[in-house]
Amino acid sequence: MAESKDSGLVHISSPRSVAETLQRLQSILESKGLAIFAHVDHSGEAAKVGMEMHPTQLLIFGSPKAGTPVMLAAPTVAIDLPLKALVWEDAQGKVWITYNSAEYLQRRHGIPEDLVKNLAGAATLIQKAVE
């Protein structure tokens, strides 16, 4: 699925469950030396307060070596970094990974062209998680 130019969100369908997709994504990211800063289990937290939610997991990841130069050049991008990947199940049971495109982050924060590559590689790794 292509990027929505308005929101900058990219949605990619996964043939696996949320848990399997998340585990695969995390393994790929870690194998490439990216740090996993946090894992937020939105649906698990909803269950703790008695609410039902389709499986929804957020992975926050990145590389200070790649992200810091971007933040130095465009300080407001720090609100969107580290990078995030949302792995979620829709009402029909289909699983998706959603993330912000590097091009959107560039437009939103005025990231210099030569630094977009520091963020763009994540898209390739996310794509591998659904193959």
N, C-alpha and C. Protein backbone atom coordinates (compact mmCIF):
# COMPACT_ATOMS: atom_id res chain seq x y z
N MET A 1 0.85 -1.18 0.00
CA MET A 1 0.00 0.00 0.00
C MET A 1 0.90 1.24 0.00
N ALA A 2 0.55 2.20 -0.76
CA ALA A 2 1.37 3.40 -0.91
C ALA A 2 1.17 4.37 0.25
N GLU A 3 2.08 5.32 0.31
CA GLU A 3 2.01 6.36 1.33
C GLU A 3 0.81 7.24 1.07
N SER A 4 0.15 7.61 2.14
CA SER A 4 -0.88 8.63 2.06
C SER A 4 -0.18 9.98 2.16
N LYS A 5 -0.23 10.78 1.12
CA LYS A 5 0.50 12.05 1.09
C LYS A 5 0.05 13.00 2.20
N ASP A 6 -1.22 12.91 2.60
CA ASP A 6 -1.70 13.80 3.65
C ASP A 6 -1.13 13.44 5.02
N SER A 7 -1.15 12.17 5.35
CA SER A 7 -0.73 11.76 6.69
C SER A 7 0.71 11.29 6.75
N GLY A 8 1.28 10.90 5.60
CA GLY A 8 2.63 10.36 5.59
C GLY A 8 2.72 8.92 6.05
N LEU A 9 1.57 8.33 6.36
CA LEU A 9 1.56 6.96 6.83
C LEU A 9 1.67 5.97 5.67
N VAL A 10 2.48 4.96 5.87
CA VAL A 10 2.60 3.86 4.92
C VAL A 10 2.02 2.63 5.61
N HIS A 11 1.13 1.92 4.91
CA HIS A 11 0.51 0.71 5.44
C HIS A 11 0.91 -0.47 4.57
N ILE A 12 1.45 -1.50 5.19
CA ILE A 12 1.85 -2.71 4.47
C ILE A 12 1.14 -3.89 5.13
N SER A 13 0.47 -4.71 4.33
CA SER A 13 -0.22 -5.86 4.91
C SER A 13 0.78 -6.98 5.21
N SER A 14 0.45 -7.76 6.21
CA SER A 14 1.29 -8.88 6.62
C SER A 14 0.49 -10.17 6.53
N PRO A 15 1.11 -11.24 6.06
CA PRO A 15 0.43 -12.54 6.02
C PRO A 15 0.44 -13.26 7.37
N ARG A 16 1.09 -12.68 8.36
CA ARG A 16 1.25 -13.31 9.67
C ARG A 16 0.39 -12.62 10.73
N SER A 17 0.35 -13.22 11.90
CA SER A 17 -0.37 -12.62 13.03
C SER A 17 0.40 -11.39 13.51
N VAL A 18 -0.21 -10.61 14.36
CA VAL A 18 0.46 -9.45 14.94
C VAL A 18 1.71 -9.90 15.69
N ALA A 19 1.57 -10.92 16.53
CA ALA A 19 2.70 -11.39 17.33
C ALA A 19 3.85 -11.88 16.45
N GLU A 20 3.52 -12.66 15.42
CA GLU A 20 4.56 -13.18 14.53
C GLU A 20 5.22 -12.06 13.73
N THR A 21 4.42 -11.12 13.25
CA THR A 21 4.95 -9.99 12.48
C THR A 21 5.86 -9.14 13.36
N LEU A 22 5.42 -8.88 14.58
CA LEU A 22 6.21 -8.07 15.51
C LEU A 22 7.55 -8.76 15.82
N GLN A 23 7.50 -10.05 16.08
CA GLN A 23 8.74 -10.79 16.40
C GLN A 23 9.68 -10.77 15.21
N ARG A 24 9.14 -10.97 14.02
CA ARG A 24 9.97 -10.97 12.80
C ARG A 24 10.59 -9.59 12.60
N LEU A 25 9.81 -8.54 12.77
CA LEU A 25 10.31 -7.18 12.60
C LEU A 25 11.41 -6.90 13.62
N GLN A 26 11.16 -7.24 14.86
CA GLN A 26 12.16 -6.99 15.91
C GLN A 26 13.47 -7.72 15.60
N SER A 27 13.38 -8.95 15.18
CA SER A 27 14.58 -9.73 14.85
C SER A 27 15.36 -9.10 13.71
N ILE A 28 14.66 -8.66 12.68
CA ILE A 28 15.31 -8.02 11.53
C ILE A 28 15.99 -6.73 11.95
N LEU A 29 15.30 -5.90 12.72
CA LEU A 29 15.88 -4.64 13.17
C LEU A 29 17.13 -4.87 14.01
N GLU A 30 17.03 -5.80 14.96
CA GLU A 30 18.18 -6.08 15.83
C GLU A 30 19.35 -6.67 15.04
N SER A 31 19.05 -7.49 14.03
CA SER A 31 20.12 -8.09 13.23
C SER A 31 20.89 -7.03 12.44
N LYS A 32 20.27 -5.90 12.20
CA LYS A 32 20.91 -4.80 11.48
C LYS A 32 21.52 -3.76 12.43
N GLY A 33 21.52 -4.08 13.72
CA GLY A 33 22.17 -3.21 14.69
C GLY A 33 21.31 -2.07 15.21
N LEU A 34 20.01 -2.08 14.90
CA LEU A 34 19.14 -1.04 15.43
C LEU A 34 18.72 -1.39 16.85
N ALA A 35 18.57 -0.38 17.67
CA ALA A 35 18.15 -0.57 19.05
C ALA A 35 16.62 -0.59 19.12
N ILE A 36 16.10 -1.47 19.97
CA ILE A 36 14.68 -1.46 20.28
C ILE A 36 14.57 -0.67 21.58
N PHE A 37 14.00 0.51 21.51
CA PHE A 37 13.89 1.38 22.68
C PHE A 37 12.67 1.06 23.53
N ALA A 38 11.59 0.63 22.88
CA ALA A 38 10.37 0.32 23.64
C ALA A 38 9.43 -0.53 22.80
N HIS A 39 8.62 -1.26 23.52
CA HIS A 39 7.54 -2.05 22.92
C HIS A 39 6.29 -1.70 23.72
N VAL A 40 5.30 -1.17 23.05
CA VAL A 40 4.06 -0.78 23.72
C VAL A 40 2.96 -1.73 23.25
N ASP A 41 2.36 -2.44 24.19
CA ASP A 41 1.28 -3.37 23.89
C ASP A 41 -0.05 -2.66 24.17
N HIS A 42 -0.53 -1.92 23.18
CA HIS A 42 -1.76 -1.14 23.36
C HIS A 42 -2.94 -2.04 23.72
N SER A 43 -3.10 -3.14 23.00
CA SER A 43 -4.25 -4.02 23.25
C SER A 43 -4.12 -4.71 24.61
N GLY A 44 -2.90 -5.05 25.00
CA GLY A 44 -2.69 -5.64 26.32
C GLY A 44 -3.02 -4.67 27.44
N GLU A 45 -2.64 -3.42 27.26
CA GLU A 45 -2.96 -2.40 28.26
C GLU A 45 -4.47 -2.15 28.31
N ALA A 46 -5.13 -2.19 27.15
CA ALA A 46 -6.59 -2.03 27.12
C ALA A 46 -7.26 -3.15 27.91
N ALA A 47 -6.76 -4.38 27.74
CA ALA A 47 -7.33 -5.52 28.45
C ALA A 47 -7.20 -5.36 29.97
N LYS A 48 -6.12 -4.74 30.41
CA LYS A 48 -5.91 -4.54 31.84
C LYS A 48 -6.97 -3.64 32.47
N VAL A 49 -7.60 -2.80 31.66
CA VAL A 49 -8.65 -1.92 32.18
C VAL A 49 -10.04 -2.37 31.72
N GLY A 50 -10.11 -3.64 31.28
CA GLY A 50 -11.40 -4.23 30.94
C GLY A 50 -11.95 -3.85 29.57
N MET A 51 -11.08 -3.37 28.70
CA MET A 51 -11.54 -2.99 27.36
C MET A 51 -10.94 -3.93 26.32
N GLU A 52 -11.72 -4.19 25.28
CA GLU A 52 -11.25 -5.06 24.20
C GLU A 52 -10.75 -4.21 23.04
N MET A 53 -9.66 -4.67 22.46
CA MET A 53 -9.05 -3.97 21.33
C MET A 53 -8.39 -5.04 20.47
N HIS A 54 -8.50 -4.89 19.15
CA HIS A 54 -7.78 -5.82 18.28
C HIS A 54 -6.29 -5.74 18.61
N PRO A 55 -5.56 -6.83 18.39
CA PRO A 55 -4.13 -6.80 18.69
C PRO A 55 -3.45 -5.59 18.05
N THR A 56 -2.78 -4.81 18.88
CA THR A 56 -2.13 -3.57 18.44
C THR A 56 -0.86 -3.39 19.25
N GLN A 57 0.28 -3.40 18.55
CA GLN A 57 1.59 -3.33 19.20
C GLN A 57 2.43 -2.26 18.51
N LEU A 58 3.12 -1.48 19.31
CA LEU A 58 3.98 -0.43 18.78
C LEU A 58 5.43 -0.74 19.14
N LEU A 59 6.29 -0.70 18.14
CA LEU A 59 7.72 -0.91 18.35
C LEU A 59 8.42 0.42 18.08
N ILE A 60 9.23 0.87 19.04
CA ILE A 60 9.97 2.12 18.92
C ILE A 60 11.45 1.73 18.79
N PHE A 61 12.07 2.16 17.69
CA PHE A 61 13.41 1.66 17.38
C PHE A 61 14.23 2.72 16.66
N GLY A 62 15.52 2.49 16.58
CA GLY A 62 16.35 3.40 15.82
C GLY A 62 17.82 3.22 16.10
N SER A 63 18.58 4.19 15.63
CA SER A 63 20.02 4.21 15.78
C SER A 63 20.45 5.62 16.11
N PRO A 64 20.99 5.85 17.31
CA PRO A 64 21.48 7.19 17.64
C PRO A 64 22.51 7.70 16.63
N LYS A 65 23.30 6.79 16.07
CA LYS A 65 24.31 7.19 15.09
C LYS A 65 23.67 7.77 13.84
N ALA A 66 22.53 7.23 13.43
CA ALA A 66 21.82 7.73 12.25
C ALA A 66 20.87 8.88 12.60
N GLY A 67 20.20 8.77 13.74
CA GLY A 67 19.19 9.76 14.08
C GLY A 67 19.71 11.08 14.62
N THR A 68 20.81 11.05 15.34
CA THR A 68 21.33 12.28 15.94
C THR A 68 21.68 13.34 14.90
N PRO A 69 22.38 13.00 13.81
CA PRO A 69 22.66 14.04 12.81
C PRO A 69 21.38 14.65 12.21
N VAL A 70 20.34 13.83 12.10
CA VAL A 70 19.06 14.33 11.58
C VAL A 70 18.46 15.33 12.57
N MET A 71 18.50 14.98 13.85
CA MET A 71 17.95 15.87 14.87
C MET A 71 18.77 17.15 15.02
N LEU A 72 20.07 17.06 14.82
CA LEU A 72 20.91 18.27 14.86
C LEU A 72 20.56 19.21 13.71
N ALA A 73 20.25 18.66 12.56
CA ALA A 73 19.93 19.48 11.39
C ALA A 73 18.49 19.99 11.42
N ALA A 74 17.59 19.21 11.99
CA ALA A 74 16.17 19.57 12.04
C ALA A 74 15.64 19.18 13.43
N PRO A 75 15.86 20.02 14.43
CA PRO A 75 15.55 19.66 15.82
C PRO A 75 14.12 19.18 16.08
N THR A 76 13.14 19.68 15.36
CA THR A 76 11.76 19.26 15.66
C THR A 76 11.49 17.81 15.29
N VAL A 77 12.34 17.19 14.49
CA VAL A 77 12.13 15.78 14.13
C VAL A 77 12.24 14.89 15.38
N ALA A 78 12.81 15.43 16.45
CA ALA A 78 12.91 14.65 17.68
C ALA A 78 11.55 14.24 18.22
N ILE A 79 10.49 14.93 17.83
CA ILE A 79 9.16 14.51 18.26
C ILE A 79 8.72 13.24 17.55
N ASP A 80 9.31 12.94 16.40
CA ASP A 80 8.98 11.75 15.62
C ASP A 80 10.06 10.67 15.68
N LEU A 81 11.15 10.96 16.35
CA LEU A 81 12.21 9.96 16.51
C LEU A 81 12.28 9.58 17.99
N PRO A 82 12.65 8.37 18.30
CA PRO A 82 13.00 7.28 17.41
C PRO A 82 11.84 6.90 16.49
N LEU A 83 12.19 6.14 15.48
CA LEU A 83 11.19 5.67 14.52
C LEU A 83 10.22 4.71 15.21
N LYS A 84 9.05 4.58 14.60
CA LYS A 84 8.01 3.72 15.16
C LYS A 84 7.40 2.85 14.07
N ALA A 85 7.03 1.66 14.46
CA ALA A 85 6.27 0.77 13.57
C ALA A 85 5.10 0.23 14.38
N LEU A 86 3.91 0.44 13.86
CA LEU A 86 2.70 -0.04 14.50
C LEU A 86 2.27 -1.32 13.80
N VAL A 87 2.17 -2.40 14.56
CA VAL A 87 1.71 -3.68 14.02
C VAL A 87 0.33 -3.90 14.61
N TRP A 88 -0.67 -4.01 13.73
CA TRP A 88 -2.04 -4.02 14.22
C TRP A 88 -2.94 -4.87 13.36
N GLU A 89 -4.05 -5.27 13.95
CA GLU A 89 -5.05 -6.07 13.25
C GLU A 89 -6.31 -5.23 13.07
N ASP A 90 -6.83 -5.21 11.84
CA ASP A 90 -8.04 -4.43 11.59
C ASP A 90 -9.30 -5.24 11.95
N ALA A 91 -10.45 -4.64 11.77
CA ALA A 91 -11.72 -5.26 12.15
C ALA A 91 -12.01 -6.53 11.36
N GLN A 92 -11.38 -6.69 10.20
CA GLN A 92 -11.58 -7.89 9.38
C GLN A 92 -10.54 -8.97 9.68
N GLY A 93 -9.65 -8.72 10.63
CA GLY A 93 -8.64 -9.68 11.00
C GLY A 93 -7.36 -9.61 10.17
N LYS A 94 -7.26 -8.62 9.30
CA LYS A 94 -6.06 -8.45 8.49
C LYS A 94 -5.00 -7.70 9.32
N VAL A 95 -3.74 -8.12 9.17
CA VAL A 95 -2.65 -7.54 9.94
C VAL A 95 -1.88 -6.56 9.07
N TRP A 96 -1.48 -5.45 9.68
CA TRP A 96 -0.78 -4.37 8.99
C TRP A 96 0.42 -3.91 9.80
N ILE A 97 1.40 -3.38 9.08
CA ILE A 97 2.45 -2.58 9.71
C ILE A 97 2.28 -1.18 9.15
N THR A 98 2.23 -0.20 10.02
CA THR A 98 2.09 1.20 9.62
C THR A 98 3.26 1.99 10.19
N TYR A 99 3.81 2.88 9.37
CA TYR A 99 4.94 3.71 9.80
C TYR A 99 4.92 5.02 9.04
N ASN A 100 5.65 6.01 9.55
CA ASN A 100 5.80 7.29 8.87
C ASN A 100 6.87 7.16 7.78
N SER A 101 6.58 7.64 6.59
CA SER A 101 7.59 7.60 5.54
C SER A 101 8.67 8.63 5.81
N ALA A 102 9.88 8.32 5.36
CA ALA A 102 11.00 9.26 5.51
C ALA A 102 10.71 10.56 4.76
N GLU A 103 10.05 10.44 3.61
CA GLU A 103 9.72 11.64 2.82
C GLU A 103 8.75 12.55 3.57
N TYR A 104 7.81 11.94 4.28
CA TYR A 104 6.88 12.73 5.09
C TYR A 104 7.63 13.45 6.21
N LEU A 105 8.51 12.71 6.89
CA LEU A 105 9.29 13.33 7.96
C LEU A 105 10.15 14.47 7.42
N GLN A 106 10.67 14.28 6.22
CA GLN A 106 11.47 15.34 5.59
C GLN A 106 10.61 16.58 5.35
N ARG A 107 9.44 16.39 4.77
CA ARG A 107 8.54 17.52 4.51
C ARG A 107 8.09 18.18 5.81
N ARG A 108 7.77 17.38 6.79
CA ARG A 108 7.23 17.90 8.05
C ARG A 108 8.25 18.72 8.82
N HIS A 109 9.53 18.30 8.76
CA HIS A 109 10.54 18.92 9.61
C HIS A 109 11.65 19.64 8.85
N GLY A 110 11.61 19.62 7.53
CA GLY A 110 12.65 20.29 6.75
C GLY A 110 14.01 19.61 6.85
N ILE A 111 14.00 18.29 6.89
CA ILE A 111 15.26 17.54 6.97
C ILE A 111 16.03 17.74 5.67
N PRO A 112 17.32 18.07 5.76
CA PRO A 112 18.12 18.22 4.54
C PRO A 112 18.12 16.93 3.72
N GLU A 113 18.10 17.09 2.42
CA GLU A 113 18.03 15.95 1.49
C GLU A 113 19.09 14.90 1.78
N ASP A 114 20.32 15.32 2.08
CA ASP A 114 21.40 14.36 2.28
C ASP A 114 21.25 13.53 3.56
N LEU A 115 20.33 13.89 4.44
CA LEU A 115 20.13 13.14 5.68
C LEU A 115 18.90 12.24 5.66
N VAL A 116 18.07 12.37 4.64
CA VAL A 116 16.86 11.53 4.56
C VAL A 116 17.24 10.06 4.54
N LYS A 117 18.38 9.74 3.91
CA LYS A 117 18.82 8.34 3.83
C LYS A 117 18.99 7.73 5.22
N ASN A 118 19.29 8.54 6.22
CA ASN A 118 19.47 8.04 7.58
C ASN A 118 18.18 7.43 8.14
N LEU A 119 17.05 7.85 7.60
CA LEU A 119 15.76 7.35 8.05
C LEU A 119 15.12 6.38 7.07
N ALA A 120 15.43 6.53 5.80
CA ALA A 120 14.75 5.80 4.74
C ALA A 120 15.00 4.29 4.76
N GLY A 121 16.14 3.86 5.28
CA GLY A 121 16.45 2.44 5.29
C GLY A 121 15.48 1.61 6.11
N ALA A 122 14.82 2.21 7.05
CA ALA A 122 13.86 1.47 7.88
C ALA A 122 12.74 0.87 7.04
N ALA A 123 12.34 1.55 5.98
CA ALA A 123 11.25 1.05 5.13
C ALA A 123 11.60 -0.31 4.54
N THR A 124 12.84 -0.48 4.12
CA THR A 124 13.28 -1.75 3.54
C THR A 124 13.21 -2.86 4.58
N LEU A 125 13.63 -2.55 5.79
CA LEU A 125 13.61 -3.55 6.86
C LEU A 125 12.18 -3.91 7.25
N ILE A 126 11.32 -2.92 7.30
CA ILE A 126 9.90 -3.19 7.62
C ILE A 126 9.28 -4.05 6.53
N GLN A 127 9.59 -3.78 5.28
CA GLN A 127 9.07 -4.58 4.18
C GLN A 127 9.50 -6.05 4.31
N LYS A 128 10.74 -6.27 4.73
CA LYS A 128 11.23 -7.65 4.90
C LYS A 128 10.44 -8.41 5.95
N ALA A 129 9.91 -7.71 6.90
CA ALA A 129 9.16 -8.36 7.98
C ALA A 129 7.86 -8.99 7.49
N VAL A 130 7.35 -8.55 6.35
CA VAL A 130 6.08 -9.10 5.85
C VAL A 130 6.29 -10.04 4.67
N GLU A 131 7.53 -10.28 4.30
CA GLU A 131 7.80 -11.19 3.18
C GLU A 131 7.77 -12.64 3.63
